[in-house]
Amino acid sequence: MAGTQELVTKVKAYATAAAQSAVAGIELATVVSELPETGEANKIYLVAGENTEDNNIYTEYVYANNAWEKLGEVKLDVDLSDYYTKEEADAAVTKALNDTLADYAKSTDLSDYAKESELESYAKTTDLDAYAKETELEDYAKKDDLSDFLTESDFEKITADEIDAMFE
């Protein structure tokens, strides 16, 4: 399950970075206490409104044709009840990933693989000590078996004096 959580974390990080990159440097609106003498093109200026009884707390303006144009008043009461919360979105992504992994596991043919019970049974019935005793090294290189390969005539006799002379 740790792999799933890691994937969810990476997807969130990627989505956040992509969203931040898409809107970086874009400032469509700015809140000001009063309108400046001139404004920037393509920018909405929000000035605190006088009538806050109906929750219209900002009046919207744009600067066009060298003059301020009132767009209207905005009520900053947004209903997000039809949208997922972060927790709900995380849970939905996690469930989707888990369901996908479960479906994959169900559709994958594992019959070619040994079951754990078979491995345990094999380990209990295999006596490695007995195998090691049966294959002693002396069975492979007995002194008399070398006679097929080397004979006494293959060697030249050398005296002790000749050996001593080699190391002087």
C-alpha atoms as a PDB file:
ATOM      1  CA  MET A   1       0.000   0.000   0.000  1.00  0.00           C
ATOM      2  CA  ALA A   2       3.032   2.246   0.464  1.00  0.00           C
ATOM      3  CA  GLY A   3       3.491   2.334  -3.325  1.00  0.00           C
ATOM      4  CA  THR A   4      -0.073   3.572  -3.785  1.00  0.00           C
ATOM      5  CA  GLN A   5       0.401   6.405  -1.280  1.00  0.00           C
ATOM      6  CA  GLU A   6       3.651   7.369  -2.969  1.00  0.00           C
ATOM      7  CA  LEU A   7       1.874   7.510  -6.340  1.00  0.00           C
ATOM      8  CA  VAL A   8      -0.938   9.650  -4.871  1.00  0.00           C
ATOM      9  CA  THR A   9       1.656  12.040  -3.405  1.00  0.00           C
ATOM     10  CA  LYS A  10       3.469  12.326  -6.740  1.00  0.00           C
ATOM     11  CA  VAL A  11       0.206  12.927  -8.654  1.00  0.00           C
ATOM     12  CA  LYS A  12      -0.787  15.672  -6.188  1.00  0.00           C
ATOM     13  CA  ALA A  13       2.626  17.338  -6.441  1.00  0.00           C
ATOM     14  CA  TYR A  14       2.532  17.226 -10.249  1.00  0.00           C
ATOM     15  CA  ALA A  15      -1.016  18.631 -10.427  1.00  0.00           C
ATOM     16  CA  THR A  16      -0.195  21.421  -7.971  1.00  0.00           C
ATOM     17  CA  ALA A  17       2.960  22.378  -9.851  1.00  0.00           C
ATOM     18  CA  ALA A  18       1.116  22.350 -13.190  1.00  0.00           C
ATOM     19  CA  ALA A  19      -1.689  24.563 -11.841  1.00  0.00           C
ATOM     20  CA  GLN A  20       0.752  27.011 -10.264  1.00  0.00           C
ATOM     21  CA  SER A  21       2.776  27.175 -13.468  1.00  0.00           C
ATOM     22  CA  ALA A  22      -0.354  27.822 -15.561  1.00  0.00           C
ATOM     23  CA  VAL A  23      -1.400  30.869 -13.521  1.00  0.00           C
ATOM     24  CA  ALA A  24       2.042  32.178 -12.575  1.00  0.00           C
ATOM     25  CA  GLY A  25       2.378  35.837 -13.297  1.00  0.00           C
ATOM     26  CA  ILE A  26      -1.322  36.329 -14.037  1.00  0.00           C
ATOM     27  CA  GLU A  27      -2.983  38.877 -11.792  1.00  0.00           C
ATOM     28  CA  LEU A  28      -6.508  39.543 -13.007  1.00  0.00           C
ATOM     29  CA  ALA A  29      -7.706  41.417  -9.963  1.00  0.00           C
ATOM     30  CA  THR A  30      -6.301  43.356  -7.070  1.00  0.00           C
ATOM     31  CA  VAL A  31      -7.907  44.644  -3.886  1.00  0.00           C
ATOM     32  CA  VAL A  32      -7.243  48.313  -3.144  1.00  0.00           C
ATOM     33  CA  SER A  33      -8.504  50.700  -0.477  1.00  0.00           C
ATOM     34  CA  GLU A  34      -9.123  53.398  -3.142  1.00  0.00           C
ATOM     35  CA  LEU A  35      -8.671  53.636  -6.900  1.00  0.00           C
ATOM     36  CA  PRO A  36      -5.269  54.843  -8.083  1.00  0.00           C
ATOM     37  CA  GLU A  37      -5.055  57.820 -10.459  1.00  0.00           C
ATOM     38  CA  THR A  38      -4.601  55.441 -13.421  1.00  0.00           C
ATOM     39  CA  GLY A  39      -4.903  51.678 -13.711  1.00  0.00           C
ATOM     40  CA  GLU A  40      -3.388  48.800 -15.667  1.00  0.00           C
ATOM     41  CA  ALA A  41      -5.085  47.348 -18.740  1.00  0.00           C
ATOM     42  CA  ASN A  42      -6.843  43.992 -18.342  1.00  0.00           C
ATOM     43  CA  LYS A  43      -6.958  44.232 -14.552  1.00  0.00           C
ATOM     44  CA  ILE A  44      -9.978  44.458 -12.269  1.00  0.00           C
ATOM     45  CA  TYR A  45      -9.715  46.690  -9.207  1.00  0.00           C
ATOM     46  CA  LEU A  46     -11.787  45.779  -6.159  1.00  0.00           C
ATOM     47  CA  VAL A  47     -12.581  48.618  -3.773  1.00  0.00           C
ATOM     48  CA  ALA A  48     -14.220  47.981  -0.422  1.00  0.00           C
ATOM     49  CA  GLY A  49     -17.915  48.756  -0.819  1.00  0.00           C
ATOM     50  CA  GLU A  50     -20.031  50.986   1.374  1.00  0.00           C
ATOM     51  CA  ASN A  51     -23.102  48.724   1.459  1.00  0.00           C
ATOM     52  CA  THR A  52     -22.146  45.513   3.241  1.00  0.00           C
ATOM     53  CA  GLU A  53     -25.669  44.572   4.379  1.00  0.00           C
ATOM     54  CA  ASP A  54     -26.255  42.339   1.330  1.00  0.00           C
ATOM     55  CA  ASN A  55     -22.682  40.983   1.410  1.00  0.00           C
ATOM     56  CA  ASN A  56     -21.555  43.122  -1.531  1.00  0.00           C
ATOM     57  CA  ILE A  57     -18.283  44.009   0.040  1.00  0.00           C
ATOM     58  CA  TYR A  58     -16.338  45.064  -3.094  1.00  0.00           C
ATOM     59  CA  THR A  59     -17.099  47.312  -6.044  1.00  0.00           C
ATOM     60  CA  GLU A  60     -15.400  46.304  -9.308  1.00  0.00           C
ATOM     61  CA  TYR A  61     -13.674  48.766 -11.634  1.00  0.00           C
ATOM     62  CA  VAL A  62     -11.554  48.585 -14.787  1.00  0.00           C
ATOM     63  CA  TYR A  63      -9.419  51.304 -16.315  1.00  0.00           C
ATOM     64  CA  ALA A  64     -10.478  51.771 -19.948  1.00  0.00           C
ATOM     65  CA  ASN A  65     -10.082  54.678 -22.411  1.00  0.00           C
ATOM     66  CA  ASN A  66      -8.177  56.708 -19.797  1.00  0.00           C
ATOM     67  CA  ALA A  67     -11.076  56.550 -17.353  1.00  0.00           C
ATOM     68  CA  TRP A  68     -12.443  54.333 -14.571  1.00  0.00           C
ATOM     69  CA  GLU A  69     -15.442  52.206 -15.489  1.00  0.00           C
ATOM     70  CA  LYS A  70     -17.607  50.681 -12.779  1.00  0.00           C
ATOM     71  CA  LEU A  71     -18.382  47.035 -13.578  1.00  0.00           C
ATOM     72  CA  GLY A  72     -20.553  46.300 -10.613  1.00  0.00           C
ATOM     73  CA  GLU A  73     -20.376  44.944  -7.163  1.00  0.00           C
ATOM     74  CA  VAL A  74     -19.264  41.500  -6.202  1.00  0.00           C
ATOM     75  CA  LYS A  75     -20.585  39.312  -3.451  1.00  0.00           C
ATOM     76  CA  LEU A  76     -17.783  37.076  -2.222  1.00  0.00           C
ATOM     77  CA  ASP A  77     -20.042  34.353  -0.908  1.00  0.00           C
ATOM     78  CA  VAL A  78     -19.090  31.308  -2.967  1.00  0.00           C
ATOM     79  CA  ASP A  79     -21.047  28.067  -2.638  1.00  0.00           C
ATOM     80  CA  LEU A  80     -18.606  25.170  -2.941  1.00  0.00           C
ATOM     81  CA  SER A  81     -21.007  22.489  -1.715  1.00  0.00           C
ATOM     82  CA  ASP A  82     -21.037  20.765  -5.131  1.00  0.00           C
ATOM     83  CA  TYR A  83     -17.233  20.473  -5.153  1.00  0.00           C
ATOM     84  CA  TYR A  84     -15.015  17.853  -3.566  1.00  0.00           C
ATOM     85  CA  THR A  85     -12.989  18.762  -0.511  1.00  0.00           C
ATOM     86  CA  LYS A  86      -9.292  17.907  -0.492  1.00  0.00           C
ATOM     87  CA  GLU A  87      -9.994  14.932   1.767  1.00  0.00           C
ATOM     88  CA  GLU A  88     -12.778  13.658  -0.516  1.00  0.00           C
ATOM     89  CA  ALA A  89     -10.558  14.023  -3.593  1.00  0.00           C
ATOM     90  CA  ASP A  90      -7.681  12.205  -1.857  1.00  0.00           C
ATOM     91  CA  ALA A  91     -10.012   9.385  -0.833  1.00  0.00           C
ATOM     92  CA  ALA A  92     -11.446   9.102  -4.370  1.00  0.00           C
ATOM     93  CA  VAL A  93      -7.981   8.954  -5.956  1.00  0.00           C
ATOM     94  CA  THR A  94      -6.786   6.381  -3.410  1.00  0.00           C
ATOM     95  CA  LYS A  95      -9.890   4.232  -3.965  1.00  0.00           C
ATOM     96  CA  ALA A  96      -9.488   4.409  -7.743  1.00  0.00           C
ATOM     97  CA  LEU A  97      -5.835   3.362  -7.489  1.00  0.00           C
ATOM     98  CA  ASN A  98      -6.645   0.548  -5.062  1.00  0.00           C
ATOM     99  CA  ASP A  99      -9.483  -0.697  -7.284  1.00  0.00           C
ATOM    100  CA  THR A 100      -7.186  -0.634 -10.316  1.00  0.00           C
ATOM    101  CA  LEU A 101      -4.483  -2.569  -8.479  1.00  0.00           C
ATOM    102  CA  ALA A 102      -7.039  -5.080  -7.185  1.00  0.00           C
ATOM    103  CA  ASP A 103      -8.473  -5.593 -10.689  1.00  0.00           C
ATOM    104  CA  TYR A 104      -4.960  -6.114 -12.041  1.00  0.00           C
ATOM    105  CA  ALA A 105      -4.149  -8.649  -9.338  1.00  0.00           C
ATOM    106  CA  LYS A 106      -7.389 -10.547 -10.081  1.00  0.00           C
ATOM    107  CA  SER A 107      -6.689 -10.611 -13.815  1.00  0.00           C
ATOM    108  CA  THR A 108      -3.063 -11.720 -13.497  1.00  0.00           C
ATOM    109  CA  ASP A 109      -2.485 -15.473 -13.833  1.00  0.00           C
ATOM    110  CA  LEU A 110      -0.344 -16.466 -10.875  1.00  0.00           C
ATOM    111  CA  SER A 111      -0.708 -20.217 -11.416  1.00  0.00           C
ATOM    112  CA  ASP A 112       2.881 -20.501 -12.679  1.00  0.00           C
ATOM    113  CA  TYR A 113       4.207 -19.321  -9.337  1.00  0.00           C
ATOM    114  CA  ALA A 114       4.753 -21.528  -6.289  1.00  0.00           C
ATOM    115  CA  LYS A 115       2.384 -21.121  -3.398  1.00  0.00           C
ATOM    116  CA  GLU A 116       3.868 -20.271  -0.019  1.00  0.00           C
ATOM    117  CA  SER A 117       2.679 -23.593   1.423  1.00  0.00           C
ATOM    118  CA  GLU A 118       4.535 -25.462  -1.345  1.00  0.00           C
ATOM    119  CA  LEU A 119       7.745 -23.587  -0.580  1.00  0.00           C
ATOM    120  CA  GLU A 120       7.482 -24.310   3.130  1.00  0.00           C
ATOM    121  CA  SER A 121       6.857 -27.994   2.422  1.00  0.00           C
ATOM    122  CA  TYR A 122       9.877 -28.160   0.092  1.00  0.00           C
ATOM    123  CA  ALA A 123      12.122 -26.464   2.649  1.00  0.00           C
ATOM    124  CA  LYS A 124      11.108 -28.955   5.336  1.00  0.00           C
ATOM    125  CA  THR A 125      11.686 -32.025   3.145  1.00  0.00           C
ATOM    126  CA  THR A 126      15.047 -30.907   1.741  1.00  0.00           C
ATOM    127  CA  ASP A 127      17.946 -32.072   3.945  1.00  0.00           C
ATOM    128  CA  LEU A 128      20.901 -29.978   2.886  1.00  0.00           C
ATOM    129  CA  ASP A 129      23.199 -31.498   5.537  1.00  0.00           C
ATOM    130  CA  ALA A 130      22.712 -34.972   4.067  1.00  0.00           C
ATOM    131  CA  TYR A 131      23.459 -33.628   0.590  1.00  0.00           C
ATOM    132  CA  ALA A 132      26.683 -31.997   1.767  1.00  0.00           C
ATOM    133  CA  LYS A 133      27.854 -35.224   3.428  1.00  0.00           C
ATOM    134  CA  GLU A 134      27.191 -37.236   0.276  1.00  0.00           C
ATOM    135  CA  THR A 135      29.320 -34.942  -1.841  1.00  0.00           C
ATOM    136  CA  GLU A 136      32.622 -34.908   0.046  1.00  0.00           C
ATOM    137  CA  LEU A 137      35.551 -33.512  -1.873  1.00  0.00           C
ATOM    138  CA  GLU A 138      37.517 -36.701  -1.539  1.00  0.00           C
ATOM    139  CA  ASP A 139      35.041 -38.291  -3.927  1.00  0.00           C
ATOM    140  CA  TYR A 140      36.181 -35.880  -6.615  1.00  0.00           C
ATOM    141  CA  ALA A 141      39.954 -35.886  -6.299  1.00  0.00           C
ATOM    142  CA  LYS A 142      41.266 -39.173  -4.926  1.00  0.00           C
ATOM    143  CA  LYS A 143      44.984 -39.713  -5.228  1.00  0.00           C
ATOM    144  CA  ASP A 144      44.694 -42.824  -7.366  1.00  0.00           C
ATOM    145  CA  ASP A 145      42.299 -41.154  -9.814  1.00  0.00           C
ATOM    146  CA  LEU A 146      45.135 -38.890 -11.022  1.00  0.00           C
ATOM    147  CA  SER A 147      46.959 -41.851 -12.563  1.00  0.00           C
ATOM    148  CA  ASP A 148      44.894 -41.441 -15.701  1.00  0.00           C
ATOM    149  CA  PHE A 149      46.298 -37.985 -16.151  1.00  0.00           C
ATOM    150  CA  LEU A 150      49.882 -38.107 -14.868  1.00  0.00           C
ATOM    151  CA  THR A 151      52.370 -40.947 -14.658  1.00  0.00           C
ATOM    152  CA  GLU A 152      55.780 -41.156 -13.042  1.00  0.00           C
ATOM    153  CA  SER A 153      57.438 -40.881 -16.448  1.00  0.00           C
ATOM    154  CA  ASP A 154      55.899 -37.414 -16.805  1.00  0.00           C
ATOM    155  CA  PHE A 155      58.246 -36.176 -14.068  1.00  0.00           C
ATOM    156  CA  GLU A 156      61.987 -35.729 -14.177  1.00  0.00           C
ATOM    157  CA  LYS A 157      63.934 -36.844 -11.105  1.00  0.00           C
ATOM    158  CA  ILE A 158      65.872 -34.116  -9.406  1.00  0.00           C
ATOM    159  CA  THR A 159      68.329 -34.368  -6.540  1.00  0.00           C
ATOM    160  CA  ALA A 160      68.417 -32.331  -3.351  1.00  0.00           C
ATOM    161  CA  ASP A 161      71.621 -30.604  -4.490  1.00  0.00           C
ATOM    162  CA  GLU A 162      69.903 -29.517  -7.689  1.00  0.00           C
ATOM    163  CA  ILE A 163      67.042 -28.043  -5.672  1.00  0.00           C
ATOM    164  CA  ASP A 164      69.451 -26.161  -3.384  1.00  0.00           C
ATOM    165  CA  ALA A 165      71.290 -24.775  -6.411  1.00  0.00           C
ATOM    166  CA  MET A 166      68.053 -23.296  -7.725  1.00  0.00           C
ATOM    167  CA  PHE A 167      67.732 -21.058  -4.667  1.00  0.00           C
ATOM    168  CA  GLU A 168      71.307 -19.796  -4.374  1.00  0.00           C
END
